[in-house]
Amino acid sequence: MLPAGGVSVVRAEAAGDDAIVAEVERRSRAGQYVVAVTSDRELQNRVVAAGAARVLSAGWLLGVLPQQA
């Protein structure tokens, strides 16, 4: 699946995409293995350029989350 380590949710006051890209850059520069989850094609390209090791779709995330009753 994915390397163990956790999930981070980044709060963005304004431009959410910019906050995500900045967080990917920060974490990849720190040597972390970064996986971004987005179905937005433009954002996918931006996070790859920022250093994301993998980009997965929102559909993938929904598939691994527990189903609510």
PDB file of N, CA and C in Angstrom:
ATOM      1  N   MET A   1       0.841  -1.174   0.000  1.00  0.00           N
ATOM      2  CA  MET A   1       0.000   0.000   0.000  1.00  0.00           C
ATOM      3  C   MET A   1       0.890   1.244   0.000  1.00  0.00           C
ATOM      4  N   LEU A   2       1.188   1.793   1.174  1.00  0.00           N
ATOM      5  CA  LEU A   2       2.056   2.960   1.308  1.00  0.00           C
ATOM      6  C   LEU A   2       3.014   2.752   2.457  1.00  0.00           C
ATOM      7  N   PRO A   3       4.148   3.426   2.441  1.00  0.00           N
ATOM      8  CA  PRO A   3       5.039   3.353   3.599  1.00  0.00           C
ATOM      9  C   PRO A   3       4.323   3.887   4.841  1.00  0.00           C
ATOM     10  N   ALA A   4       4.594   3.271   5.977  1.00  0.00           N
ATOM     11  CA  ALA A   4       3.985   3.732   7.224  1.00  0.00           C
ATOM     12  C   ALA A   4       4.517   5.109   7.571  1.00  0.00           C
ATOM     13  N   GLY A   5       3.727   5.890   8.227  1.00  0.00           N
ATOM     14  CA  GLY A   5       4.199   7.208   8.614  1.00  0.00           C
ATOM     15  C   GLY A   5       3.083   8.142   8.973  1.00  0.00           C
ATOM     16  N   GLY A   6       1.951   7.983   8.392  1.00  0.00           N
ATOM     17  CA  GLY A   6       0.836   8.828   8.767  1.00  0.00           C
ATOM     18  C   GLY A   6       0.309   9.672   7.637  1.00  0.00           C
ATOM     19  N   VAL A   7      -0.730  10.369   7.972  1.00  0.00           N
ATOM     20  CA  VAL A   7      -1.412  11.248   7.034  1.00  0.00           C
ATOM     21  C   VAL A   7      -1.451  12.638   7.644  1.00  0.00           C
ATOM     22  N   SER A   8      -1.180  13.640   6.851  1.00  0.00           N
ATOM     23  CA  SER A   8      -1.271  15.022   7.312  1.00  0.00           C
ATOM     24  C   SER A   8      -2.369  15.729   6.543  1.00  0.00           C
ATOM     25  N   VAL A   9      -3.165  16.477   7.259  1.00  0.00           N
ATOM     26  CA  VAL A   9      -4.157  17.339   6.641  1.00  0.00           C
ATOM     27  C   VAL A   9      -3.647  18.761   6.834  1.00  0.00           C
ATOM     28  N   VAL A  10      -3.527  19.479   5.732  1.00  0.00           N
ATOM     29  CA  VAL A  10      -2.970  20.827   5.768  1.00  0.00           C
ATOM     30  C   VAL A  10      -4.102  21.830   5.647  1.00  0.00           C
ATOM     31  N   ARG A  11      -4.220  22.705   6.634  1.00  0.00           N
ATOM     32  CA  ARG A  11      -5.236  23.754   6.604  1.00  0.00           C
ATOM     33  C   ARG A  11      -4.719  24.909   5.759  1.00  0.00           C
ATOM     34  N   ALA A  12      -5.553  25.367   4.853  1.00  0.00           N
ATOM     35  CA  ALA A  12      -5.176  26.487   3.989  1.00  0.00           C
ATOM     36  C   ALA A  12      -6.158  27.627   4.195  1.00  0.00           C
ATOM     37  N   GLU A  13      -5.633  28.777   4.540  1.00  0.00           N
ATOM     38  CA  GLU A  13      -6.489  29.947   4.757  1.00  0.00           C
ATOM     39  C   GLU A  13      -7.036  30.501   3.441  1.00  0.00           C
ATOM     40  N   ALA A  14      -6.281  30.391   2.355  1.00  0.00           N
ATOM     41  CA  ALA A  14      -6.712  30.982   1.086  1.00  0.00           C
ATOM     42  C   ALA A  14      -6.573  29.956  -0.038  1.00  0.00           C
ATOM     43  N   ALA A  15      -5.480  30.009  -0.778  1.00  0.00           N
ATOM     44  CA  ALA A  15      -5.272  29.152  -1.942  1.00  0.00           C
ATOM     45  C   ALA A  15      -4.828  27.760  -1.501  1.00  0.00           C
ATOM     46  N   GLY A  16      -5.759  26.834  -1.463  1.00  0.00           N
ATOM     47  CA  GLY A  16      -5.480  25.487  -0.992  1.00  0.00           C
ATOM     48  C   GLY A  16      -4.408  24.779  -1.806  1.00  0.00           C
ATOM     49  N   ASP A  17      -4.476  24.903  -3.129  1.00  0.00           N
ATOM     50  CA  ASP A  17      -3.485  24.240  -3.974  1.00  0.00           C
ATOM     51  C   ASP A  17      -2.076  24.739  -3.662  1.00  0.00           C
ATOM     52  N   ASP A  18      -1.942  26.043  -3.458  1.00  0.00           N
ATOM     53  CA  ASP A  18      -0.624  26.604  -3.144  1.00  0.00           C
ATOM     54  C   ASP A  18      -0.105  26.070  -1.815  1.00  0.00           C
ATOM     55  N   ALA A  19      -0.993  25.917  -0.840  1.00  0.00           N
ATOM     56  CA  ALA A  19      -0.590  25.382   0.467  1.00  0.00           C
ATOM     57  C   ALA A  19      -0.138  23.931   0.344  1.00  0.00           C
ATOM     58  N   ILE A  20      -0.821  23.155  -0.482  1.00  0.00           N
ATOM     59  CA  ILE A  20      -0.446  21.753  -0.684  1.00  0.00           C
ATOM     60  C   ILE A  20       0.921  21.665  -1.344  1.00  0.00           C
ATOM     61  N   VAL A  21       1.137  22.448  -2.387  1.00  0.00           N
ATOM     62  CA  VAL A  21       2.423  22.448  -3.092  1.00  0.00           C
ATOM     63  C   VAL A  21       3.545  22.859  -2.139  1.00  0.00           C
ATOM     64  N   ALA A  22       3.311  23.885  -1.334  1.00  0.00           N
ATOM     65  CA  ALA A  22       4.332  24.338  -0.388  1.00  0.00           C
ATOM     66  C   ALA A  22       4.660  23.245   0.631  1.00  0.00           C
ATOM     67  N   GLU A  23       3.660  22.520   1.096  1.00  0.00           N
ATOM     68  CA  GLU A  23       3.891  21.445   2.065  1.00  0.00           C
ATOM     69  C   GLU A  23       4.661  20.291   1.431  1.00  0.00           C
ATOM     70  N   VAL A  24       4.335  19.956   0.187  1.00  0.00           N
ATOM     71  CA  VAL A  24       5.080  18.912  -0.531  1.00  0.00           C
ATOM     72  C   VAL A  24       6.544  19.337  -0.679  1.00  0.00           C
ATOM     73  N   GLU A  25       6.777  20.578  -1.075  1.00  0.00           N
ATOM     74  CA  GLU A  25       8.155  21.072  -1.210  1.00  0.00           C
ATOM     75  C   GLU A  25       8.900  20.981   0.122  1.00  0.00           C
ATOM     76  N   ARG A  26       8.265  21.440   1.191  1.00  0.00           N
ATOM     77  CA  ARG A  26       8.901  21.445   2.510  1.00  0.00           C
ATOM     78  C   ARG A  26       9.270  20.035   2.954  1.00  0.00           C
ATOM     79  N   ARG A  27       8.332  19.117   2.804  1.00  0.00           N
ATOM     80  CA  ARG A  27       8.569  17.748   3.267  1.00  0.00           C
ATOM     81  C   ARG A  27       9.566  17.006   2.379  1.00  0.00           C
ATOM     82  N   SER A  28       9.498  17.210   1.078  1.00  0.00           N
ATOM     83  CA  SER A  28      10.444  16.511   0.198  1.00  0.00           C
ATOM     84  C   SER A  28      11.868  17.039   0.393  1.00  0.00           C
ATOM     85  N   ARG A  29      12.012  18.347   0.624  1.00  0.00           N
ATOM     86  CA  ARG A  29      13.344  18.909   0.923  1.00  0.00           C
ATOM     87  C   ARG A  29      13.903  18.336   2.223  1.00  0.00           C
ATOM     88  N   ALA A  30      13.015  17.980   3.142  1.00  0.00           N
ATOM     89  CA  ALA A  30      13.439  17.399   4.418  1.00  0.00           C
ATOM     90  C   ALA A  30      13.733  15.905   4.287  1.00  0.00           C
ATOM     91  N   GLY A  31      13.603  15.373   3.074  1.00  0.00           N
ATOM     92  CA  GLY A  31      13.922  13.972   2.841  1.00  0.00           C
ATOM     93  C   GLY A  31      12.774  13.010   3.092  1.00  0.00           C
ATOM     94  N   GLN A  32      11.580  13.526   3.252  1.00  0.00           N
ATOM     95  CA  GLN A  32      10.427  12.658   3.490  1.00  0.00           C
ATOM     96  C   GLN A  32       9.881  12.107   2.180  1.00  0.00           C
ATOM     97  N   TYR A  33       9.317  10.909   2.259  1.00  0.00           N
ATOM     98  CA  TYR A  33       8.630  10.282   1.132  1.00  0.00           C
ATOM     99  C   TYR A  33       7.220  10.854   1.119  1.00  0.00           C
ATOM    100  N   VAL A  34       6.893  11.637   0.093  1.00  0.00           N
ATOM    101  CA  VAL A  34       5.621  12.350   0.059  1.00  0.00           C
ATOM    102  C   VAL A  34       4.699  11.734  -0.984  1.00  0.00           C
ATOM    103  N   VAL A  35       3.498  11.392  -0.533  1.00  0.00           N
ATOM    104  CA  VAL A  35       2.437  10.924  -1.424  1.00  0.00           C
ATOM    105  C   VAL A  35       1.315  11.948  -1.351  1.00  0.00           C
ATOM    106  N   ALA A  36       0.961  12.519  -2.475  1.00  0.00           N
ATOM    107  CA  ALA A  36      -0.137  13.486  -2.531  1.00  0.00           C
ATOM    108  C   ALA A  36      -1.370  12.793  -3.096  1.00  0.00           C
ATOM    109  N   VAL A  37      -2.529  13.154  -2.572  1.00  0.00           N
ATOM    110  CA  VAL A  37      -3.789  12.587  -3.050  1.00  0.00           C
ATOM    111  C   VAL A  37      -4.636  13.718  -3.610  1.00  0.00           C
ATOM    112  N   THR A  38      -4.845  13.670  -4.920  1.00  0.00           N
ATOM    113  CA  THR A  38      -5.687  14.656  -5.599  1.00  0.00           C
ATOM    114  C   THR A  38      -6.119  14.096  -6.947  1.00  0.00           C
ATOM    115  N   SER A  39      -7.309  14.481  -7.367  1.00  0.00           N
ATOM    116  CA  SER A  39      -7.771  14.110  -8.706  1.00  0.00           C
ATOM    117  C   SER A  39      -7.664  15.283  -9.675  1.00  0.00           C
ATOM    118  N   ASP A  40      -7.183  16.401  -9.202  1.00  0.00           N
ATOM    119  CA  ASP A  40      -7.001  17.601 -10.012  1.00  0.00           C
ATOM    120  C   ASP A  40      -5.714  17.453 -10.826  1.00  0.00           C
ATOM    121  N   ARG A  41      -5.840  17.382 -12.134  1.00  0.00           N
ATOM    122  CA  ARG A  41      -4.670  17.108 -12.990  1.00  0.00           C
ATOM    123  C   ARG A  41      -3.606  18.202 -12.912  1.00  0.00           C
ATOM    124  N   GLU A  42      -4.024  19.453 -12.843  1.00  0.00           N
ATOM    125  CA  GLU A  42      -3.044  20.530 -12.734  1.00  0.00           C
ATOM    126  C   GLU A  42      -2.283  20.428 -11.414  1.00  0.00           C
ATOM    127  N   LEU A  43      -3.006  20.146 -10.335  1.00  0.00           N
ATOM    128  CA  LEU A  43      -2.354  20.001  -9.035  1.00  0.00           C
ATOM    129  C   LEU A  43      -1.446  18.772  -9.021  1.00  0.00           C
ATOM    130  N   GLN A  44      -1.837  17.701  -9.689  1.00  0.00           N
ATOM    131  CA  GLN A  44      -0.977  16.522  -9.789  1.00  0.00           C
ATOM    132  C   GLN A  44       0.368  16.911 -10.385  1.00  0.00           C
ATOM    133  N   ASN A  45       0.348  17.673 -11.469  1.00  0.00           N
ATOM    134  CA  ASN A  45       1.600  18.107 -12.111  1.00  0.00           C
ATOM    135  C   ASN A  45       2.423  18.988 -11.187  1.00  0.00           C
ATOM    136  N   ARG A  46       1.765  19.865 -10.447  1.00  0.00           N
ATOM    137  CA  ARG A  46       2.483  20.778  -9.551  1.00  0.00           C
ATOM    138  C   ARG A  46       3.144  20.037  -8.394  1.00  0.00           C
ATOM    139  N   VAL A  47       2.453  19.047  -7.810  1.00  0.00           N
ATOM    140  CA  VAL A  47       3.058  18.354  -6.673  1.00  0.00           C
ATOM    141  C   VAL A  47       4.192  17.435  -7.118  1.00  0.00           C
ATOM    142  N   VAL A  48       4.104  16.878  -8.308  1.00  0.00           N
ATOM    143  CA  VAL A  48       5.221  16.088  -8.842  1.00  0.00           C
ATOM    144  C   VAL A  48       6.435  17.008  -9.025  1.00  0.00           C
ATOM    145  N   ALA A  49       6.217  18.183  -9.605  1.00  0.00           N
ATOM    146  CA  ALA A  49       7.312  19.138  -9.787  1.00  0.00           C
ATOM    147  C   ALA A  49       7.875  19.598  -8.440  1.00  0.00           C
ATOM    148  N   ALA A  50       7.030  19.591  -7.400  1.00  0.00           N
ATOM    149  CA  ALA A  50       7.459  20.017  -6.062  1.00  0.00           C
ATOM    150  C   ALA A  50       8.188  18.916  -5.305  1.00  0.00           C
ATOM    151  N   GLY A  51       8.164  17.681  -5.849  1.00  0.00           N
ATOM    152  CA  GLY A  51       8.918  16.609  -5.219  1.00  0.00           C
ATOM    153  C   GLY A  51       8.131  15.429  -4.695  1.00  0.00           C
ATOM    154  N   ALA A  52       6.831  15.375  -4.943  1.00  0.00           N
ATOM    155  CA  ALA A  52       6.045  14.228  -4.482  1.00  0.00           C
ATOM    156  C   ALA A  52       6.566  12.942  -5.128  1.00  0.00           C
ATOM    157  N   ALA A  53       6.719  11.898  -4.326  1.00  0.00           N
ATOM    158  CA  ALA A  53       7.180  10.611  -4.834  1.00  0.00           C
ATOM    159  C   ALA A  53       6.073   9.889  -5.595  1.00  0.00           C
ATOM    160  N   ARG A  54       4.832  10.097  -5.149  1.00  0.00           N
ATOM    161  CA  ARG A  54       3.678   9.477  -5.806  1.00  0.00           C
ATOM    162  C   ARG A  54       2.509  10.434  -5.717  1.00  0.00           C
ATOM    163  N   VAL A  55       1.596  10.295  -6.679  1.00  0.00           N
ATOM    164  CA  VAL A  55       0.330  11.017  -6.646  1.00  0.00           C
ATOM    165  C   VAL A  55      -0.769   9.995  -6.893  1.00  0.00           C
ATOM    166  N   LEU A  56      -1.717   9.956  -5.970  1.00  0.00           N
ATOM    167  CA  LEU A  56      -2.834   9.030  -6.071  1.00  0.00           C
ATOM    168  C   LEU A  56      -4.131   9.821  -6.160  1.00  0.00           C
ATOM    169  N   SER A  57      -5.160   9.192  -6.710  1.00  0.00           N
ATOM    170  CA  SER A  57      -6.432   9.885  -6.904  1.00  0.00           C
ATOM    171  C   SER A  57      -7.298   9.847  -5.652  1.00  0.00           C
ATOM    172  N   ALA A  58      -8.261  10.738  -5.608  1.00  0.00           N
ATOM    173  CA  ALA A  58      -9.229  10.743  -4.511  1.00  0.00           C
ATOM    174  C   ALA A  58     -10.001   9.428  -4.487  1.00  0.00           C
ATOM    175  N   GLY A  59     -10.234   8.841  -5.642  1.00  0.00           N
ATOM    176  CA  GLY A  59     -10.909   7.542  -5.710  1.00  0.00           C
ATOM    177  C   GLY A  59     -10.127   6.464  -4.985  1.00  0.00           C
ATOM    178  N   TRP A  60      -8.801   6.498  -5.097  1.00  0.00           N
ATOM    179  CA  TRP A  60      -7.972   5.546  -4.356  1.00  0.00           C
ATOM    180  C   TRP A  60      -8.197   5.716  -2.861  1.00  0.00           C
ATOM    181  N   LEU A  61      -8.175   6.963  -2.392  1.00  0.00           N
ATOM    182  CA  LEU A  61      -8.352   7.229  -0.969  1.00  0.00           C
ATOM    183  C   LEU A  61      -9.709   6.740  -0.486  1.00  0.00           C
ATOM    184  N   LEU A  62     -10.755   7.007  -1.244  1.00  0.00           N
ATOM    185  CA  LEU A  62     -12.086   6.533  -0.859  1.00  0.00           C
ATOM    186  C   LEU A  62     -12.137   5.015  -0.780  1.00  0.00           C
ATOM    187  N   GLY A  63     -11.363   4.358  -1.636  1.00  0.00           N
ATOM    188  CA  GLY A  63     -11.331   2.899  -1.642  1.00  0.00           C
ATOM    189  C   GLY A  63     -10.639   2.296  -0.436  1.00  0.00           C
ATOM    190  N   VAL A  64      -9.741   3.025   0.214  1.00  0.00           N
ATOM    191  CA  VAL A  64      -9.031   2.476   1.370  1.00  0.00           C
ATOM    192  C   VAL A  64      -9.632   2.915   2.699  1.00  0.00           C
ATOM    193  N   LEU A  65     -10.503   3.925   2.671  1.00  0.00           N
ATOM    194  CA  LEU A  65     -11.137   4.369   3.912  1.00  0.00           C
ATOM    195  C   LEU A  65     -12.252   3.404   4.307  1.00  0.00           C
ATOM    196  N   PRO A  66     -12.477   3.226   5.603  1.00  0.00           N
ATOM    197  CA  PRO A  66     -13.566   2.343   6.041  1.00  0.00           C
ATOM    198  C   PRO A  66     -14.920   2.894   5.588  1.00  0.00           C
ATOM    199  N   GLN A  67     -15.794   1.991   5.246  1.00  0.00           N
ATOM    200  CA  GLN A  67     -17.159   2.359   4.843  1.00  0.00           C
ATOM    201  C   GLN A  67     -17.952   2.748   6.081  1.00  0.00           C
ATOM    202  N   GLN A  68     -18.739   3.819   5.975  1.00  0.00           N
ATOM    203  CA  GLN A  68     -19.613   4.205   7.086  1.00  0.00           C
ATOM    204  C   GLN A  68     -20.930   3.458   6.972  1.00  0.00           C
ATOM    205  N   ALA A  69     -21.472   3.083   8.118  1.00  0.00           N
ATOM    206  CA  ALA A  69     -22.734   2.334   8.133  1.00  0.00           C
ATOM    207  C   ALA A  69     -23.911   3.237   7.929  1.00  0.00           C
TER     208      ALA A  69
END
